[in-house]
Amino acid sequence: MSYKEQLQRIVSEYQADGQPWPATAHEMAVWAIETGRWRPQRAAMLRRCADELSDAMREDYITDPQGRRVRSKHMARYGEGPAQIPLWADIRTAGREHMEIAFQQRRQQILGDCRQLKRDVESYNDNY
């Protein structure tokens, strides 16, 4: 069972235990830790630290010479499948190839998000 599947199981157990629902992720985390269903693991702590660093870099902005507020750090994934390596670079020092890959991948992500949103809205409208 993958780590995400374990977390999904914890959410199901939270609901089955009769805890308040809907709930915040924070409320579920408190319950999971207090009931011993989740303990910090080195891999999880490293992943969380990396996620928090990534979040911080996504929100790091500079003002360019034309006065535009732009993101300073950009991530591009290199490699194929599960062997992909996400590398971060600063827009002021990154090579052109890195920035082209980063921009292309962000465009693809936005397109995927729009397609998924359309499916979600259509499903909700058709079924609820």
N, C-alpha and C. Protein backbone atom coordinates (compact mmCIF):
# COMPACT_ATOMS: atom_id res chain seq x y z
N MET A 1 0.86 -1.18 0.00
CA MET A 1 0.00 0.00 0.00
C MET A 1 0.90 1.24 0.00
N SER A 2 0.63 2.14 -0.91
CA SER A 2 1.42 3.36 -1.00
C SER A 2 1.13 4.28 0.20
N TYR A 3 2.01 5.25 0.39
CA TYR A 3 1.83 6.19 1.49
C TYR A 3 0.52 6.96 1.32
N LYS A 4 0.22 7.37 0.08
CA LYS A 4 -1.04 8.10 -0.14
C LYS A 4 -2.24 7.22 0.18
N GLU A 5 -2.16 5.95 -0.18
CA GLU A 5 -3.27 5.04 0.14
C GLU A 5 -3.42 4.88 1.65
N GLN A 6 -2.31 4.87 2.37
CA GLN A 6 -2.36 4.80 3.84
C GLN A 6 -3.06 6.04 4.39
N LEU A 7 -2.73 7.20 3.84
CA LEU A 7 -3.37 8.43 4.30
C LEU A 7 -4.85 8.43 3.97
N GLN A 8 -5.20 7.93 2.79
CA GLN A 8 -6.61 7.83 2.41
C GLN A 8 -7.36 6.88 3.35
N ARG A 9 -6.69 5.81 3.76
CA ARG A 9 -7.30 4.89 4.72
C ARG A 9 -7.55 5.59 6.06
N ILE A 10 -6.60 6.41 6.48
CA ILE A 10 -6.77 7.16 7.74
C ILE A 10 -7.99 8.06 7.65
N VAL A 11 -8.19 8.73 6.50
CA VAL A 11 -9.37 9.58 6.33
C VAL A 11 -10.64 8.74 6.42
N SER A 12 -10.65 7.57 5.80
CA SER A 12 -11.82 6.68 5.87
C SER A 12 -12.08 6.24 7.30
N GLU A 13 -11.02 5.93 8.04
CA GLU A 13 -11.17 5.52 9.44
C GLU A 13 -11.69 6.68 10.28
N TYR A 14 -11.24 7.89 9.97
CA TYR A 14 -11.72 9.09 10.67
C TYR A 14 -13.24 9.19 10.51
N GLN A 15 -13.70 9.03 9.28
CA GLN A 15 -15.14 9.11 9.02
C GLN A 15 -15.87 7.96 9.72
N ALA A 16 -15.33 6.75 9.62
CA ALA A 16 -15.98 5.58 10.21
C ALA A 16 -16.04 5.67 11.73
N ASP A 17 -15.11 6.42 12.32
CA ASP A 17 -15.07 6.57 13.78
C ASP A 17 -16.12 7.57 14.28
N GLY A 18 -16.88 8.15 13.34
CA GLY A 18 -17.93 9.09 13.73
C GLY A 18 -17.43 10.48 14.06
N GLN A 19 -16.25 10.80 13.59
CA GLN A 19 -15.71 12.13 13.83
C GLN A 19 -16.49 13.14 13.00
N PRO A 20 -16.45 14.43 13.38
CA PRO A 20 -17.19 15.46 12.64
C PRO A 20 -16.82 15.47 11.16
N TRP A 21 -17.82 15.54 10.33
CA TRP A 21 -17.61 15.56 8.88
C TRP A 21 -18.60 16.48 8.23
N PRO A 22 -18.24 17.40 7.35
CA PRO A 22 -16.90 17.63 6.84
C PRO A 22 -15.94 18.11 7.92
N ALA A 23 -14.65 17.95 7.63
CA ALA A 23 -13.62 18.30 8.61
C ALA A 23 -12.43 18.93 7.90
N THR A 24 -11.62 19.63 8.67
CA THR A 24 -10.39 20.18 8.11
C THR A 24 -9.31 19.10 8.14
N ALA A 25 -8.32 19.24 7.29
CA ALA A 25 -7.19 18.31 7.31
C ALA A 25 -6.48 18.39 8.66
N HIS A 26 -6.47 19.58 9.25
CA HIS A 26 -5.85 19.74 10.57
C HIS A 26 -6.57 18.91 11.63
N GLU A 27 -7.89 18.96 11.62
CA GLU A 27 -8.67 18.16 12.58
C GLU A 27 -8.39 16.66 12.39
N MET A 28 -8.33 16.23 11.12
CA MET A 28 -8.05 14.82 10.86
C MET A 28 -6.64 14.45 11.31
N ALA A 29 -5.68 15.37 11.12
CA ALA A 29 -4.30 15.10 11.52
C ALA A 29 -4.20 14.96 13.04
N VAL A 30 -4.88 15.85 13.77
CA VAL A 30 -4.86 15.75 15.24
C VAL A 30 -5.39 14.39 15.67
N TRP A 31 -6.51 13.98 15.09
CA TRP A 31 -7.11 12.69 15.42
C TRP A 31 -6.17 11.54 15.06
N ALA A 32 -5.56 11.60 13.88
CA ALA A 32 -4.67 10.52 13.43
C ALA A 32 -3.46 10.38 14.34
N ILE A 33 -2.89 11.49 14.76
CA ILE A 33 -1.73 11.44 15.65
C ILE A 33 -2.14 10.97 17.04
N GLU A 34 -3.24 11.51 17.57
CA GLU A 34 -3.69 11.14 18.92
C GLU A 34 -4.09 9.67 19.01
N THR A 35 -4.59 9.10 17.92
CA THR A 35 -5.00 7.69 17.94
C THR A 35 -3.89 6.75 17.47
N GLY A 36 -2.71 7.29 17.20
CA GLY A 36 -1.58 6.47 16.80
C GLY A 36 -1.64 5.95 15.38
N ARG A 37 -2.51 6.52 14.57
CA ARG A 37 -2.62 6.05 13.18
C ARG A 37 -1.56 6.67 12.27
N TRP A 38 -0.97 7.76 12.71
CA TRP A 38 0.08 8.40 11.92
C TRP A 38 1.22 8.80 12.85
N ARG A 39 2.42 8.46 12.47
CA ARG A 39 3.62 8.86 13.18
C ARG A 39 4.59 9.45 12.17
N PRO A 40 5.33 10.48 12.58
CA PRO A 40 6.29 11.04 11.63
C PRO A 40 7.35 10.00 11.27
N GLN A 41 7.60 9.87 10.00
CA GLN A 41 8.65 8.97 9.51
C GLN A 41 9.66 9.84 8.79
N ARG A 42 10.89 9.40 8.77
CA ARG A 42 11.95 10.19 8.14
C ARG A 42 11.58 10.56 6.70
N ALA A 43 11.12 9.59 5.95
CA ALA A 43 10.75 9.86 4.56
C ALA A 43 9.64 10.90 4.48
N ALA A 44 8.66 10.79 5.38
CA ALA A 44 7.55 11.75 5.39
C ALA A 44 8.04 13.14 5.78
N MET A 45 8.95 13.20 6.75
CA MET A 45 9.48 14.51 7.16
C MET A 45 10.28 15.15 6.03
N LEU A 46 11.09 14.33 5.33
CA LEU A 46 11.86 14.87 4.20
C LEU A 46 10.93 15.35 3.11
N ARG A 47 9.90 14.56 2.82
CA ARG A 47 8.92 14.94 1.79
C ARG A 47 8.21 16.23 2.18
N ARG A 48 7.85 16.34 3.45
CA ARG A 48 7.16 17.56 3.90
C ARG A 48 8.07 18.78 3.80
N CYS A 49 9.32 18.61 4.22
CA CYS A 49 10.27 19.72 4.13
C CYS A 49 10.45 20.13 2.67
N ALA A 50 10.61 19.14 1.79
CA ALA A 50 10.76 19.44 0.37
C ALA A 50 9.51 20.13 -0.18
N ASP A 51 8.33 19.66 0.23
CA ASP A 51 7.08 20.28 -0.21
C ASP A 51 7.00 21.73 0.26
N GLU A 52 7.39 21.96 1.52
CA GLU A 52 7.33 23.32 2.05
C GLU A 52 8.35 24.24 1.37
N LEU A 53 9.53 23.69 1.06
CA LEU A 53 10.50 24.48 0.31
C LEU A 53 9.95 24.81 -1.08
N SER A 54 9.33 23.82 -1.73
CA SER A 54 8.74 24.05 -3.05
C SER A 54 7.65 25.11 -2.99
N ASP A 55 6.78 25.01 -1.98
CA ASP A 55 5.72 26.02 -1.82
C ASP A 55 6.31 27.42 -1.66
N ALA A 56 7.36 27.51 -0.85
CA ALA A 56 7.99 28.82 -0.62
C ALA A 56 8.60 29.35 -1.91
N MET A 57 9.24 28.46 -2.69
CA MET A 57 9.85 28.92 -3.94
C MET A 57 8.80 29.36 -4.94
N ARG A 58 7.62 28.68 -4.95
CA ARG A 58 6.55 29.08 -5.86
C ARG A 58 6.03 30.48 -5.54
N GLU A 59 6.19 30.90 -4.31
CA GLU A 59 5.66 32.20 -3.89
C GLU A 59 6.76 33.26 -3.77
N ASP A 60 7.93 32.98 -4.31
CA ASP A 60 9.05 33.92 -4.25
C ASP A 60 9.01 34.78 -5.51
N TYR A 61 8.69 36.04 -5.36
CA TYR A 61 8.54 36.95 -6.49
C TYR A 61 9.60 38.03 -6.47
N ILE A 62 9.90 38.52 -7.66
CA ILE A 62 10.79 39.67 -7.82
C ILE A 62 10.09 40.65 -8.75
N THR A 63 10.61 41.85 -8.82
CA THR A 63 10.12 42.83 -9.79
C THR A 63 11.17 42.94 -10.89
N ASP A 64 10.74 42.68 -12.12
CA ASP A 64 11.68 42.73 -13.24
C ASP A 64 11.97 44.18 -13.62
N PRO A 65 12.94 44.40 -14.52
CA PRO A 65 13.30 45.78 -14.89
C PRO A 65 12.14 46.59 -15.47
N GLN A 66 11.11 45.91 -16.01
CA GLN A 66 9.96 46.62 -16.57
C GLN A 66 8.87 46.87 -15.51
N GLY A 67 9.15 46.47 -14.26
CA GLY A 67 8.20 46.71 -13.18
C GLY A 67 7.16 45.60 -12.99
N ARG A 68 7.31 44.46 -13.68
CA ARG A 68 6.37 43.35 -13.54
C ARG A 68 6.76 42.47 -12.36
N ARG A 69 5.76 42.04 -11.63
CA ARG A 69 5.99 41.10 -10.52
C ARG A 69 5.98 39.69 -11.11
N VAL A 70 7.11 39.00 -11.03
CA VAL A 70 7.25 37.67 -11.63
C VAL A 70 7.84 36.69 -10.63
N ARG A 71 7.50 35.40 -10.84
CA ARG A 71 8.09 34.37 -9.99
C ARG A 71 9.58 34.28 -10.26
N SER A 72 10.36 34.16 -9.19
CA SER A 72 11.80 34.09 -9.38
C SER A 72 12.30 32.65 -9.52
N LYS A 73 11.61 31.68 -8.93
CA LYS A 73 12.06 30.29 -8.97
C LYS A 73 11.11 29.48 -9.85
N HIS A 74 11.69 28.64 -10.69
CA HIS A 74 10.91 27.83 -11.63
C HIS A 74 11.43 26.40 -11.63
N MET A 75 10.49 25.44 -11.63
CA MET A 75 10.85 24.04 -11.59
C MET A 75 10.58 23.40 -12.95
N ALA A 76 11.51 22.54 -13.36
CA ALA A 76 11.34 21.75 -14.57
C ALA A 76 11.66 20.30 -14.20
N ARG A 77 10.84 19.39 -14.72
CA ARG A 77 11.08 17.96 -14.47
C ARG A 77 11.90 17.40 -15.64
N TYR A 78 12.93 16.66 -15.27
CA TYR A 78 13.80 16.02 -16.26
C TYR A 78 13.70 14.50 -16.09
N GLY A 79 13.75 13.77 -17.19
CA GLY A 79 13.67 12.32 -17.16
C GLY A 79 12.28 11.85 -17.52
N GLU A 80 12.09 10.53 -17.41
CA GLU A 80 10.83 9.90 -17.78
C GLU A 80 10.22 9.14 -16.62
N GLY A 81 8.90 9.10 -16.57
CA GLY A 81 8.17 8.29 -15.59
C GLY A 81 8.56 8.58 -14.16
N PRO A 82 8.66 7.51 -13.34
CA PRO A 82 8.97 7.71 -11.92
C PRO A 82 10.40 8.18 -11.67
N ALA A 83 11.24 8.12 -12.70
CA ALA A 83 12.63 8.56 -12.55
C ALA A 83 12.79 10.06 -12.79
N GLN A 84 11.68 10.77 -12.91
CA GLN A 84 11.77 12.22 -13.15
C GLN A 84 12.42 12.92 -11.97
N ILE A 85 13.22 13.91 -12.29
CA ILE A 85 13.89 14.70 -11.25
C ILE A 85 13.42 16.14 -11.40
N PRO A 86 12.78 16.69 -10.35
CA PRO A 86 12.36 18.10 -10.42
C PRO A 86 13.52 18.99 -9.99
N LEU A 87 13.97 19.83 -10.90
CA LEU A 87 15.06 20.74 -10.59
C LEU A 87 14.56 22.18 -10.59
N TRP A 88 14.91 22.92 -9.55
CA TRP A 88 14.53 24.32 -9.42
C TRP A 88 15.67 25.21 -9.89
N ALA A 89 15.31 26.32 -10.49
CA ALA A 89 16.31 27.31 -10.91
C ALA A 89 15.71 28.71 -10.75
N ASP A 90 16.60 29.68 -10.66
CA ASP A 90 16.20 31.08 -10.54
C ASP A 90 16.12 31.69 -11.93
N ILE A 91 15.05 32.41 -12.21
CA ILE A 91 14.82 32.98 -13.53
C ILE A 91 15.97 33.90 -13.95
N ARG A 92 16.66 34.49 -12.98
CA ARG A 92 17.74 35.42 -13.29
C ARG A 92 19.03 34.71 -13.70
N THR A 93 19.15 33.43 -13.38
CA THR A 93 20.40 32.71 -13.68
C THR A 93 20.18 31.42 -14.45
N ALA A 94 18.94 30.99 -14.64
CA ALA A 94 18.66 29.72 -15.32
C ALA A 94 19.00 29.80 -16.80
N GLY A 95 19.36 28.66 -17.34
CA GLY A 95 19.60 28.60 -18.77
C GLY A 95 18.28 28.62 -19.53
N ARG A 96 18.36 28.99 -20.80
CA ARG A 96 17.16 29.07 -21.64
C ARG A 96 16.43 27.73 -21.70
N GLU A 97 17.17 26.62 -21.84
CA GLU A 97 16.54 25.30 -21.94
C GLU A 97 15.70 24.98 -20.70
N HIS A 98 16.24 25.27 -19.52
CA HIS A 98 15.49 25.01 -18.29
C HIS A 98 14.19 25.81 -18.27
N MET A 99 14.29 27.08 -18.62
CA MET A 99 13.10 27.93 -18.57
C MET A 99 12.07 27.51 -19.62
N GLU A 100 12.51 27.11 -20.81
CA GLU A 100 11.56 26.64 -21.83
C GLU A 100 10.82 25.39 -21.34
N ILE A 101 11.56 24.46 -20.73
CA ILE A 101 10.93 23.24 -20.20
C ILE A 101 9.96 23.61 -19.08
N ALA A 102 10.38 24.48 -18.18
CA ALA A 102 9.53 24.87 -17.05
C ALA A 102 8.24 25.52 -17.54
N PHE A 103 8.34 26.44 -18.48
CA PHE A 103 7.15 27.12 -19.00
C PHE A 103 6.23 26.14 -19.73
N GLN A 104 6.80 25.27 -20.54
CA GLN A 104 6.00 24.28 -21.28
C GLN A 104 5.26 23.36 -20.30
N GLN A 105 5.94 22.89 -19.27
CA GLN A 105 5.30 22.00 -18.31
C GLN A 105 4.21 22.71 -17.52
N ARG A 106 4.41 23.98 -17.19
CA ARG A 106 3.36 24.73 -16.49
C ARG A 106 2.14 24.91 -17.37
N ARG A 107 2.34 25.18 -18.66
CA ARG A 107 1.20 25.29 -19.59
C ARG A 107 0.43 23.98 -19.65
N GLN A 108 1.13 22.85 -19.73
CA GLN A 108 0.47 21.54 -19.77
C GLN A 108 -0.30 21.28 -18.48
N GLN A 109 0.24 21.70 -17.36
CA GLN A 109 -0.44 21.52 -16.07
C GLN A 109 -1.72 22.35 -16.04
N ILE A 110 -1.65 23.58 -16.49
CA ILE A 110 -2.84 24.44 -16.51
C ILE A 110 -3.92 23.83 -17.40
N LEU A 111 -3.54 23.33 -18.56
CA LEU A 111 -4.49 22.69 -19.46
C LEU A 111 -5.13 21.47 -18.79
N GLY A 112 -4.32 20.65 -18.14
CA GLY A 112 -4.85 19.48 -17.44
C GLY A 112 -5.81 19.88 -16.32
N ASP A 113 -5.47 20.94 -15.58
CA ASP A 113 -6.34 21.42 -14.51
C ASP A 113 -7.68 21.89 -15.08
N CYS A 114 -7.65 22.59 -16.21
CA CYS A 114 -8.89 23.08 -16.82
C CYS A 114 -9.76 21.91 -17.30
N ARG A 115 -9.13 20.90 -17.90
CA ARG A 115 -9.89 19.73 -18.35
C ARG A 115 -10.53 19.01 -17.17
N GLN A 116 -9.77 18.83 -16.08
CA GLN A 116 -10.31 18.15 -14.91
C GLN A 116 -11.44 18.95 -14.29
N LEU A 117 -11.28 20.26 -14.20
CA LEU A 117 -12.35 21.11 -13.65
C LEU A 117 -13.61 20.97 -14.48
N LYS A 118 -13.49 20.95 -15.79
CA LYS A 118 -14.65 20.79 -16.68
C LYS A 118 -15.36 19.48 -16.39
N ARG A 119 -14.60 18.38 -16.26
CA ARG A 119 -15.21 17.07 -15.95
C ARG A 119 -15.89 17.09 -14.59
N ASP A 120 -15.24 17.69 -13.60
CA ASP A 120 -15.81 17.75 -12.25
C ASP A 120 -17.12 18.52 -12.25
N VAL A 121 -17.15 19.69 -12.90
CA VAL A 121 -18.35 20.51 -12.95
C VAL A 121 -19.46 19.79 -13.70
N GLU A 122 -19.15 19.18 -14.84
CA GLU A 122 -20.16 18.43 -15.59
C GLU A 122 -20.72 17.28 -14.78
N SER A 123 -19.88 16.55 -14.09
CA SER A 123 -20.33 15.43 -13.27
C SER A 123 -21.24 15.92 -12.15
N TYR A 124 -20.81 17.01 -11.49
CA TYR A 124 -21.63 17.55 -10.40
C TYR A 124 -22.98 18.00 -10.93
N ASN A 125 -22.98 18.75 -12.02
CA ASN A 125 -24.23 19.23 -12.59
C ASN A 125 -25.14 18.11 -13.05
N ASP A 126 -24.57 17.05 -13.62
CA ASP A 126 -25.38 15.93 -14.10
C ASP A 126 -25.90 15.04 -12.97
N ASN A 127 -25.17 14.97 -11.86
CA ASN A 127 -25.50 13.98 -10.84
C ASN A 127 -25.99 14.54 -9.50
N TYR A 128 -25.78 15.83 -9.26
CA TYR A 128 -26.17 16.38 -7.96
C TYR A 128 -26.96 17.64 -8.13
